[in-house]
N, C-alpha and C. Protein backbone atom coordinates (compact mmCIF):
# COMPACT_ATOMS: atom_id res chain seq x y z
N MET A 1 -98.95 -33.36 44.92
CA MET A 1 -98.23 -34.57 44.64
C MET A 1 -99.22 -35.60 44.21
N ALA A 2 -98.79 -36.46 43.18
CA ALA A 2 -99.60 -37.42 42.56
C ALA A 2 -99.73 -38.62 43.42
N ASP A 3 -100.78 -39.40 43.20
CA ASP A 3 -100.94 -40.63 44.02
C ASP A 3 -99.71 -41.67 43.96
N LYS A 4 -99.29 -42.28 44.91
CA LYS A 4 -98.32 -43.34 44.79
C LYS A 4 -98.80 -44.42 44.01
N VAL A 5 -97.73 -45.07 43.29
CA VAL A 5 -98.17 -46.22 42.42
C VAL A 5 -98.05 -47.51 43.21
N SER A 6 -98.85 -48.43 43.33
CA SER A 6 -98.85 -49.54 44.08
C SER A 6 -97.76 -50.52 43.72
N LEU A 7 -97.28 -51.32 44.80
CA LEU A 7 -96.15 -52.24 44.43
C LEU A 7 -96.45 -53.31 43.31
N GLU A 8 -97.82 -53.62 43.33
CA GLU A 8 -98.21 -54.68 42.34
C GLU A 8 -98.18 -54.09 41.02
N GLU A 9 -98.50 -52.70 40.78
CA GLU A 9 -98.48 -52.02 39.47
C GLU A 9 -97.07 -52.00 39.08
N ILE A 10 -96.23 -51.57 39.93
CA ILE A 10 -94.76 -51.49 39.59
C ILE A 10 -94.19 -52.76 39.17
N GLY A 11 -94.66 -53.83 39.88
CA GLY A 11 -94.15 -55.26 39.52
C GLY A 11 -94.70 -55.66 38.27
N GLU A 12 -95.94 -55.31 38.05
CA GLU A 12 -96.52 -55.75 36.82
C GLU A 12 -95.73 -55.15 35.52
N ALA A 13 -95.47 -53.75 35.67
CA ALA A 13 -94.84 -53.02 34.69
C ALA A 13 -93.30 -53.51 34.47
N MET A 14 -92.66 -53.97 35.58
CA MET A 14 -91.35 -54.52 35.55
C MET A 14 -91.47 -55.93 34.71
N TYR A 15 -92.37 -56.75 35.14
CA TYR A 15 -92.40 -58.04 34.48
C TYR A 15 -92.68 -57.79 32.97
N LYS A 16 -93.57 -57.04 32.51
CA LYS A 16 -93.82 -56.75 31.20
C LYS A 16 -92.65 -56.19 30.45
N MET A 17 -91.75 -55.38 31.05
CA MET A 17 -90.62 -54.99 30.41
C MET A 17 -89.61 -56.08 30.23
N VAL A 18 -89.38 -56.79 31.35
CA VAL A 18 -88.42 -57.93 31.18
C VAL A 18 -88.87 -59.03 30.17
N GLU A 19 -90.19 -59.24 30.18
CA GLU A 19 -90.86 -60.16 29.15
C GLU A 19 -90.71 -59.56 27.67
N GLU A 20 -90.94 -58.33 27.63
CA GLU A 20 -90.91 -57.73 26.17
C GLU A 20 -89.41 -57.83 25.68
N PHE A 21 -88.37 -57.65 26.47
CA PHE A 21 -87.12 -57.59 26.07
C PHE A 21 -86.32 -58.95 26.25
N ALA A 22 -87.05 -60.09 26.55
CA ALA A 22 -86.52 -61.40 26.88
C ALA A 22 -85.58 -61.79 25.57
N GLY A 23 -84.40 -62.18 25.71
CA GLY A 23 -83.50 -62.63 24.79
C GLY A 23 -82.87 -61.52 23.93
N LYS A 24 -83.30 -60.24 24.16
CA LYS A 24 -82.62 -59.14 23.50
C LYS A 24 -81.86 -58.25 24.52
N LYS A 25 -82.28 -57.96 25.69
CA LYS A 25 -81.67 -57.23 26.65
C LYS A 25 -81.94 -57.78 28.03
N LYS A 26 -80.74 -57.82 28.83
CA LYS A 26 -80.79 -58.31 30.29
C LYS A 26 -80.78 -57.08 31.08
N PHE A 27 -81.75 -56.79 31.92
CA PHE A 27 -81.88 -55.70 32.76
C PHE A 27 -81.20 -56.04 34.22
N LYS A 28 -80.26 -55.07 34.55
CA LYS A 28 -79.77 -55.09 35.95
C LYS A 28 -80.93 -54.68 36.94
N PRO A 29 -80.96 -55.09 38.20
CA PRO A 29 -82.00 -54.58 38.95
C PRO A 29 -82.13 -53.12 39.18
N GLY A 30 -81.09 -52.41 39.17
CA GLY A 30 -81.02 -50.97 39.20
C GLY A 30 -81.56 -50.23 37.99
N GLU A 31 -81.28 -50.90 36.78
CA GLU A 31 -81.85 -50.38 35.65
C GLU A 31 -83.40 -50.48 35.49
N LEU A 32 -83.99 -51.48 36.05
CA LEU A 32 -85.26 -51.59 36.12
C LEU A 32 -85.95 -50.58 36.96
N GLY A 33 -85.37 -50.34 38.18
CA GLY A 33 -85.78 -49.35 38.99
C GLY A 33 -85.91 -47.88 38.40
N LYS A 34 -84.73 -47.64 37.61
CA LYS A 34 -84.70 -46.28 36.90
C LYS A 34 -85.78 -46.26 35.90
N GLU A 35 -86.00 -47.35 35.18
CA GLU A 35 -86.98 -47.28 34.15
C GLU A 35 -88.47 -47.06 34.72
N MET A 36 -88.63 -47.76 35.87
CA MET A 36 -90.02 -47.48 36.56
C MET A 36 -90.09 -46.16 36.98
N ILE A 37 -89.09 -45.51 37.47
CA ILE A 37 -89.19 -44.11 38.02
C ILE A 37 -89.33 -43.11 36.76
N ALA A 38 -88.58 -43.54 35.61
CA ALA A 38 -88.90 -42.77 34.40
C ALA A 38 -90.37 -42.90 33.87
N GLN A 39 -90.84 -44.00 33.94
CA GLN A 39 -92.21 -44.35 33.53
C GLN A 39 -93.39 -43.61 34.25
N PHE A 40 -93.13 -43.78 35.58
CA PHE A 40 -94.25 -43.33 36.55
C PHE A 40 -94.01 -42.02 37.06
N GLY A 41 -92.70 -41.56 37.15
CA GLY A 41 -92.43 -40.35 37.69
C GLY A 41 -91.82 -40.43 39.01
N GLU A 42 -90.81 -39.41 39.40
CA GLU A 42 -90.19 -39.51 40.69
C GLU A 42 -91.09 -39.25 41.78
N ASP A 43 -92.24 -38.47 41.54
CA ASP A 43 -93.17 -38.21 42.68
C ASP A 43 -94.01 -39.38 42.97
N ARG A 44 -94.08 -40.29 42.23
CA ARG A 44 -95.01 -41.49 42.45
C ARG A 44 -94.32 -42.76 42.69
N VAL A 45 -93.06 -42.76 42.42
CA VAL A 45 -92.31 -44.08 42.61
C VAL A 45 -90.87 -43.71 43.17
N THR A 46 -90.42 -44.54 44.17
CA THR A 46 -89.17 -44.41 44.88
C THR A 46 -88.37 -45.64 44.59
N LYS A 47 -86.96 -45.36 44.67
CA LYS A 47 -86.15 -46.63 44.68
C LYS A 47 -86.51 -47.75 45.49
N LYS A 48 -87.03 -47.24 46.74
CA LYS A 48 -87.43 -48.28 47.74
C LYS A 48 -88.57 -49.07 47.20
N ASP A 49 -89.52 -48.35 46.57
CA ASP A 49 -90.71 -49.00 45.99
C ASP A 49 -90.31 -50.09 45.01
N CYS A 50 -89.52 -49.66 44.16
CA CYS A 50 -88.89 -50.56 42.98
C CYS A 50 -88.21 -51.88 43.61
N LYS A 51 -87.43 -51.63 44.65
CA LYS A 51 -86.80 -52.74 45.36
C LYS A 51 -87.74 -53.72 45.94
N GLU A 52 -88.92 -53.18 46.60
CA GLU A 52 -89.89 -53.84 47.19
C GLU A 52 -90.71 -54.74 46.10
N ALA A 53 -91.04 -54.05 45.00
CA ALA A 53 -91.75 -54.74 44.02
C ALA A 53 -90.98 -55.79 43.25
N LEU A 54 -89.62 -55.54 43.13
CA LEU A 54 -88.88 -56.60 42.63
C LEU A 54 -88.63 -57.82 43.68
N LYS A 55 -88.58 -57.48 44.82
CA LYS A 55 -88.49 -58.58 45.82
C LYS A 55 -89.82 -59.42 45.71
N LEU A 56 -90.95 -58.82 45.62
CA LEU A 56 -92.24 -59.49 45.43
C LEU A 56 -92.13 -60.44 44.32
N LEU A 57 -91.62 -59.92 43.03
CA LEU A 57 -91.61 -60.75 41.83
C LEU A 57 -90.70 -61.88 42.02
N MET A 58 -89.53 -61.71 42.76
CA MET A 58 -88.61 -62.84 43.01
C MET A 58 -89.19 -63.86 43.97
N ASN A 59 -89.77 -63.35 45.04
CA ASN A 59 -90.41 -64.33 45.95
C ASN A 59 -91.52 -65.07 45.34
N SER A 60 -92.23 -64.62 44.38
CA SER A 60 -93.29 -65.44 43.85
C SER A 60 -92.89 -66.18 42.76
N GLY A 61 -91.64 -66.05 42.23
CA GLY A 61 -91.01 -66.82 41.30
C GLY A 61 -91.46 -66.41 39.80
N LYS A 62 -91.87 -65.27 39.59
CA LYS A 62 -92.24 -64.81 38.31
C LYS A 62 -90.80 -64.28 37.68
N LEU A 63 -89.98 -63.72 38.37
CA LEU A 63 -88.66 -63.49 37.95
C LEU A 63 -87.66 -64.16 38.81
N VAL A 64 -86.46 -64.17 38.15
CA VAL A 64 -85.30 -64.69 38.85
C VAL A 64 -84.08 -63.92 38.54
N TYR A 65 -82.98 -64.15 39.33
CA TYR A 65 -81.78 -63.45 38.93
C TYR A 65 -80.98 -64.36 38.30
N GLY A 66 -80.23 -63.79 37.19
CA GLY A 66 -79.45 -64.47 36.34
C GLY A 66 -78.00 -63.89 36.64
N TYR A 67 -76.98 -64.85 36.54
CA TYR A 67 -75.65 -64.32 36.92
C TYR A 67 -74.64 -64.45 35.91
N TYR A 68 -75.02 -64.82 34.60
CA TYR A 68 -74.23 -65.01 33.42
C TYR A 68 -73.75 -63.61 32.92
N GLY A 69 -72.55 -63.16 33.02
CA GLY A 69 -72.15 -61.95 32.52
C GLY A 69 -72.56 -60.85 33.46
N GLY A 70 -72.75 -61.00 34.74
CA GLY A 70 -73.33 -59.98 35.55
C GLY A 70 -74.60 -60.32 36.02
N THR A 71 -75.02 -59.71 37.13
CA THR A 71 -76.39 -59.89 37.73
C THR A 71 -77.30 -59.17 36.86
N SER A 72 -78.51 -60.01 36.41
CA SER A 72 -79.60 -59.62 35.64
C SER A 72 -80.85 -60.08 36.22
N VAL A 73 -81.90 -59.57 35.74
CA VAL A 73 -83.37 -60.02 36.14
C VAL A 73 -83.94 -60.81 34.88
N GLU A 74 -84.36 -61.86 35.03
CA GLU A 74 -84.90 -62.73 34.01
C GLU A 74 -86.08 -63.58 34.33
N ILE A 75 -86.89 -63.91 33.38
CA ILE A 75 -88.00 -64.81 33.49
C ILE A 75 -87.44 -66.23 33.68
N PRO A 76 -87.90 -66.96 34.56
CA PRO A 76 -87.36 -68.44 34.79
C PRO A 76 -87.31 -69.14 33.48
N HIS A 77 -86.20 -69.88 33.23
CA HIS A 77 -86.21 -70.79 32.09
C HIS A 77 -86.83 -72.15 32.50
N VAL A 78 -87.26 -72.89 31.52
CA VAL A 78 -87.74 -74.24 31.81
C VAL A 78 -86.81 -75.07 31.15
N GLU A 79 -86.15 -76.08 31.93
CA GLU A 79 -85.20 -77.01 31.55
C GLU A 79 -85.70 -77.86 30.45
N GLY A 80 -85.04 -78.05 29.38
CA GLY A 80 -85.27 -78.90 28.20
C GLY A 80 -86.38 -78.46 27.35
N ALA A 81 -86.79 -77.25 27.55
CA ALA A 81 -87.99 -76.80 26.78
C ALA A 81 -87.50 -76.12 25.45
N GLY A 82 -88.40 -76.20 24.52
CA GLY A 82 -88.16 -75.56 23.26
C GLY A 82 -88.82 -74.32 23.08
N LYS A 83 -89.30 -73.92 21.87
CA LYS A 83 -89.92 -72.61 21.67
C LYS A 83 -91.17 -72.41 22.43
N ASP A 84 -92.03 -73.45 22.63
CA ASP A 84 -93.30 -73.35 23.29
C ASP A 84 -93.27 -73.68 24.72
N ALA A 85 -92.20 -73.34 25.24
CA ALA A 85 -91.89 -73.76 26.76
C ALA A 85 -93.02 -72.95 27.69
N GLY A 86 -93.42 -71.85 27.30
CA GLY A 86 -94.33 -71.15 28.12
C GLY A 86 -95.77 -71.54 27.99
N GLU A 87 -95.99 -72.25 27.02
CA GLU A 87 -97.40 -72.69 26.72
C GLU A 87 -97.79 -73.96 27.50
N LYS A 88 -98.93 -74.00 27.95
CA LYS A 88 -99.43 -75.07 28.68
C LYS A 88 -100.30 -76.04 27.82
N ALA A 89 -100.24 -77.37 27.94
CA ALA A 89 -101.03 -78.22 27.20
C ALA A 89 -102.46 -78.30 27.60
């Protein structure tokens, strides 16, 4: 059996995936878990690992739940921000 993937590593991969597809695709929490299991392998990542990693991302504020058109996982929006919202002065 291969080494387990850390929750931080799973979380980072989830964040990168949501960031990459921001504005193009909205991931449901379960879809993200399935993607992580496919990426790392069933022997290294479990559904429980994915839920815990997502919980860490939500608690840290890196990702939030969106509810428009169904529950999805998103990067937090900045109110009144334009294209350069993510950039700091």
